[in-house]
Protein backbone atom coordinates (compact mmCIF):
# COMPACT_ATOMS: atom_id res chain seq x y z
CA MET A 1 -26.87 -32.26 -28.98
CA THR A 2 -24.03 -31.90 -26.52
CA GLY A 3 -23.34 -33.19 -23.05
CA ALA A 4 -25.47 -31.00 -20.80
CA SER A 5 -28.70 -31.97 -19.12
CA GLY A 6 -31.72 -31.16 -21.26
CA ALA A 7 -31.95 -33.98 -23.79
CA PRO A 8 -35.77 -34.16 -23.38
CA ILE A 9 -36.01 -30.63 -24.80
CA ALA A 10 -34.29 -31.82 -27.98
CA PHE A 11 -36.49 -34.90 -28.08
CA SER A 12 -39.68 -32.79 -27.81
CA ALA A 13 -38.42 -30.39 -30.50
CA LEU A 14 -37.51 -33.26 -32.83
CA LYS A 15 -40.99 -34.79 -32.48
CA ALA A 16 -42.60 -31.44 -33.33
CA LEU A 17 -40.27 -30.86 -36.27
CA ARG A 18 -41.07 -34.35 -37.60
CA ALA A 19 -44.79 -33.62 -37.23
CA ALA A 20 -44.28 -30.33 -39.13
CA ASP A 21 -42.43 -32.28 -41.87
CA ARG A 22 -39.20 -30.32 -41.31
CA PRO A 23 -36.10 -32.36 -42.03
CA VAL A 24 -33.44 -32.35 -39.35
CA ALA A 25 -29.79 -33.39 -39.41
CA LEU A 26 -28.92 -34.80 -36.00
CA VAL A 27 -25.46 -34.76 -34.47
CA VAL A 28 -24.92 -36.17 -30.97
CA SER A 29 -21.68 -35.68 -29.08
CA ARG A 30 -20.25 -38.48 -26.92
CA GLY A 31 -21.21 -36.50 -23.82
CA ALA A 32 -24.75 -36.17 -25.11
CA GLU A 33 -24.98 -39.95 -25.60
CA ALA A 34 -24.36 -40.38 -21.87
CA VAL A 35 -26.98 -37.78 -20.99
CA ILE A 36 -29.51 -39.36 -23.37
CA ARG A 37 -29.12 -42.68 -21.54
CA GLU A 38 -30.08 -40.93 -18.29
CA GLU A 39 -32.79 -38.56 -19.53
CA VAL A 40 -34.53 -40.12 -22.52
CA PRO A 41 -36.06 -43.54 -21.67
CA GLU A 42 -36.80 -44.14 -25.40
CA GLY A 43 -33.06 -43.91 -26.07
CA LEU A 44 -30.84 -42.59 -28.83
CA ALA A 45 -32.52 -44.79 -31.46
CA ALA A 46 -35.78 -42.93 -30.91
CA LEU A 47 -34.09 -39.61 -31.52
CA GLU A 48 -32.38 -40.93 -34.63
CA ARG A 49 -35.72 -42.12 -36.11
CA LEU A 50 -36.98 -38.53 -35.95
CA ALA A 51 -34.08 -37.14 -37.96
CA ALA A 52 -33.78 -37.06 -41.73
CA ALA A 53 -30.00 -37.62 -41.37
CA ARG A 54 -27.64 -38.56 -38.53
CA TYR A 55 -23.96 -37.65 -38.65
CA ASP A 56 -21.14 -38.64 -36.34
CA ASP A 57 -19.63 -35.71 -34.47
CA SER A 58 -16.18 -36.69 -35.82
CA ASP A 59 -17.31 -36.43 -39.47
CA LEU A 60 -15.92 -33.04 -40.46
CA ALA A 61 -16.70 -33.88 -44.13
CA ALA A 62 -20.44 -34.14 -43.50
CA PRO A 63 -22.58 -31.87 -45.73
CA ILE A 64 -23.62 -29.68 -42.77
CA ALA A 65 -19.95 -28.72 -42.28
CA SER A 66 -19.99 -26.68 -45.50
CA GLY A 67 -21.20 -23.15 -45.99
CA SER A 68 -22.20 -24.06 -49.52
CA ARG A 69 -25.04 -26.20 -48.16
CA PRO A 70 -28.18 -24.15 -47.43
CA SER A 71 -29.61 -24.42 -43.94
CA ALA A 72 -32.70 -23.02 -42.16
CA GLY A 73 -30.52 -22.77 -39.06
CA MET A 74 -28.88 -24.73 -36.31
CA ALA A 75 -29.73 -25.39 -32.68
CA ILE A 76 -27.36 -26.79 -30.13
CA VAL A 77 -29.76 -28.26 -27.57
CA PRO A 78 -28.71 -28.91 -24.95
CA CYS A 79 -25.55 -26.83 -25.18
CA SER A 80 -22.86 -27.66 -22.65
CA GLY A 81 -20.71 -24.92 -21.22
CA ASN A 82 -17.72 -26.55 -22.91
CA THR A 83 -19.42 -26.39 -26.31
CA ALA A 84 -20.53 -22.77 -25.82
CA ALA A 85 -16.97 -21.80 -24.90
CA LYS A 86 -15.48 -23.57 -27.94
CA VAL A 87 -17.98 -22.00 -30.32
CA ALA A 88 -17.38 -18.53 -28.79
CA LEU A 89 -13.64 -19.00 -29.23
CA GLY A 90 -13.94 -20.11 -32.85
CA LEU A 91 -12.84 -23.71 -32.35
CA ALA A 92 -14.10 -26.24 -34.89
CA ASP A 93 -12.53 -29.65 -34.25
CA THR A 94 -15.86 -31.57 -34.21
CA LEU A 95 -18.79 -31.54 -36.59
CA ILE A 96 -21.02 -29.71 -34.08
CA LEU A 97 -18.39 -27.00 -33.65
CA ARG A 98 -17.64 -26.75 -37.36
CA ALA A 99 -21.35 -26.51 -38.27
CA ALA A 100 -21.78 -23.78 -35.61
CA GLN A 101 -18.85 -21.82 -37.06
CA VAL A 102 -20.37 -22.14 -40.55
CA HIS A 103 -23.69 -20.74 -39.27
CA LEU A 104 -21.91 -17.81 -37.64
CA LYS A 105 -19.76 -16.99 -40.66
CA GLU A 106 -22.69 -17.30 -43.07
CA ARG A 107 -24.89 -15.20 -40.72
CA ARG A 108 -27.40 -18.02 -40.44
CA ARG A 109 -29.60 -18.62 -37.39
CA LEU A 110 -27.69 -20.33 -34.56
CA VAL A 111 -29.52 -20.99 -31.31
CA VAL A 112 -27.71 -22.33 -28.27
CA VAL A 113 -29.71 -23.74 -25.34
CA PRO A 114 -27.58 -23.80 -22.21
CA ARG A 115 -29.11 -25.61 -19.25
CA GLU A 116 -26.39 -25.45 -16.65
CA THR A 117 -26.90 -23.46 -13.51
CA PRO A 118 -25.52 -21.46 -11.90
CA LEU A 119 -23.51 -19.89 -14.68
CA SER A 120 -19.95 -18.85 -13.90
CA THR A 121 -18.65 -15.44 -14.94
CA LEU A 122 -16.60 -17.19 -17.63
CA ALA A 123 -19.66 -19.05 -18.97
CA LEU A 124 -21.60 -15.78 -19.05
CA ARG A 125 -18.76 -14.16 -21.02
CA HIS A 126 -18.83 -16.97 -23.55
CA LEU A 127 -22.61 -16.73 -23.92
CA THR A 128 -22.34 -12.94 -24.28
CA THR A 129 -19.75 -13.44 -27.02
CA LEU A 130 -22.06 -15.83 -28.81
CA SER A 131 -24.87 -13.27 -28.62
CA GLU A 132 -22.56 -10.58 -29.92
CA LEU A 133 -21.65 -12.87 -32.83
CA GLY A 134 -25.31 -13.19 -33.74
CA ALA A 135 -26.32 -16.41 -31.99
CA VAL A 136 -29.49 -16.56 -29.96
CA VAL A 137 -28.93 -17.71 -26.37
CA LEU A 138 -32.13 -19.43 -25.29
CA VAL A 139 -31.55 -20.33 -21.66
CA ALA A 140 -33.55 -23.37 -20.60
CA ALA A 141 -35.51 -21.42 -17.97
CA PRO A 142 -39.14 -22.44 -17.94
CA PRO A 143 -41.95 -20.10 -16.88
CA TYR A 144 -44.55 -20.84 -14.27
CA TYR A 145 -47.40 -18.71 -15.66
CA ILE A 146 -48.22 -21.67 -17.93
CA HIS A 147 -49.28 -23.56 -14.77
CA PRO A 148 -47.34 -26.71 -15.65
CA ARG A 149 -48.81 -29.97 -14.49
CA SER A 150 -45.71 -31.98 -15.27
CA VAL A 151 -42.06 -31.67 -16.16
CA GLY A 152 -43.18 -32.55 -19.67
CA ASP A 153 -45.16 -29.32 -19.83
CA LEU A 154 -42.06 -27.32 -18.99
CA THR A 155 -40.00 -29.34 -21.47
CA ASP A 156 -42.55 -28.78 -24.26
CA TYR A 157 -42.59 -25.06 -23.51
CA LEU A 158 -38.81 -24.86 -23.97
CA ALA A 159 -38.95 -26.93 -27.14
CA GLY A 160 -41.72 -24.61 -28.42
CA LYS A 161 -39.62 -21.51 -27.66
CA LEU A 162 -36.82 -23.14 -29.70
CA LEU A 163 -39.16 -23.75 -32.62
CA ASP A 164 -40.38 -20.17 -32.37
CA GLN A 165 -36.81 -19.07 -33.20
CA PHE A 166 -37.07 -20.84 -36.53
CA GLY A 167 -40.68 -19.82 -37.31
CA VAL A 168 -41.95 -23.37 -37.04
CA PRO A 169 -45.63 -23.56 -36.08
CA HIS A 170 -46.38 -25.89 -33.17
CA SER A 171 -48.83 -26.53 -30.36
CA LEU A 172 -46.29 -27.23 -27.60
CA TYR A 173 -47.39 -24.29 -25.41
CA THR A 174 -49.83 -21.41 -25.25
CA GLY A 175 -48.28 -18.01 -24.79
CA TRP A 176 -48.95 -15.38 -22.19
CA ARG A 177 -52.62 -14.73 -21.52
CA ALA A 178 -52.86 -11.56 -19.44
CA GLU A 179 -56.40 -10.99 -18.31
CA ALA A 180 -58.04 -7.57 -18.54
CA ARG A 181 -58.30 -5.87 -15.18
């Protein structure tokens, strides 16, 4: 998790992954800690309880920093514009950035979930670069055809779309239901 708004999306995804018995390694940047305080009433401790492992973003020796450790993939949710830029440019001076570089070089699934809006031309270029490198850019743009009754419905939809990228079954949303005419 990095320091953009959207921490509830990560929280929803973590709950669903825990329910699906999928182990998750959680890394939270300092910026994300501040966002969590504002957006997740349950707090950081609740997120940590859902993870199988929690690593400090400064721990470049953590197992997830190595390409020799298998991984089902990585999601940066929310992904700040700063983080997206650094990953696109190949920087790796934090654990989140190093793990992202490992996923790119090993051709493993990397999903970034930017939530900032509007996006500057420079941010769009960095996201395009990430896509060209093989990452999935899953913009946190909720649909309205699901007829949400709460912000939670929109949050769960986005968390479900994230889980779809990793083939994790869930019941966070129901897909498009076009009616016959």
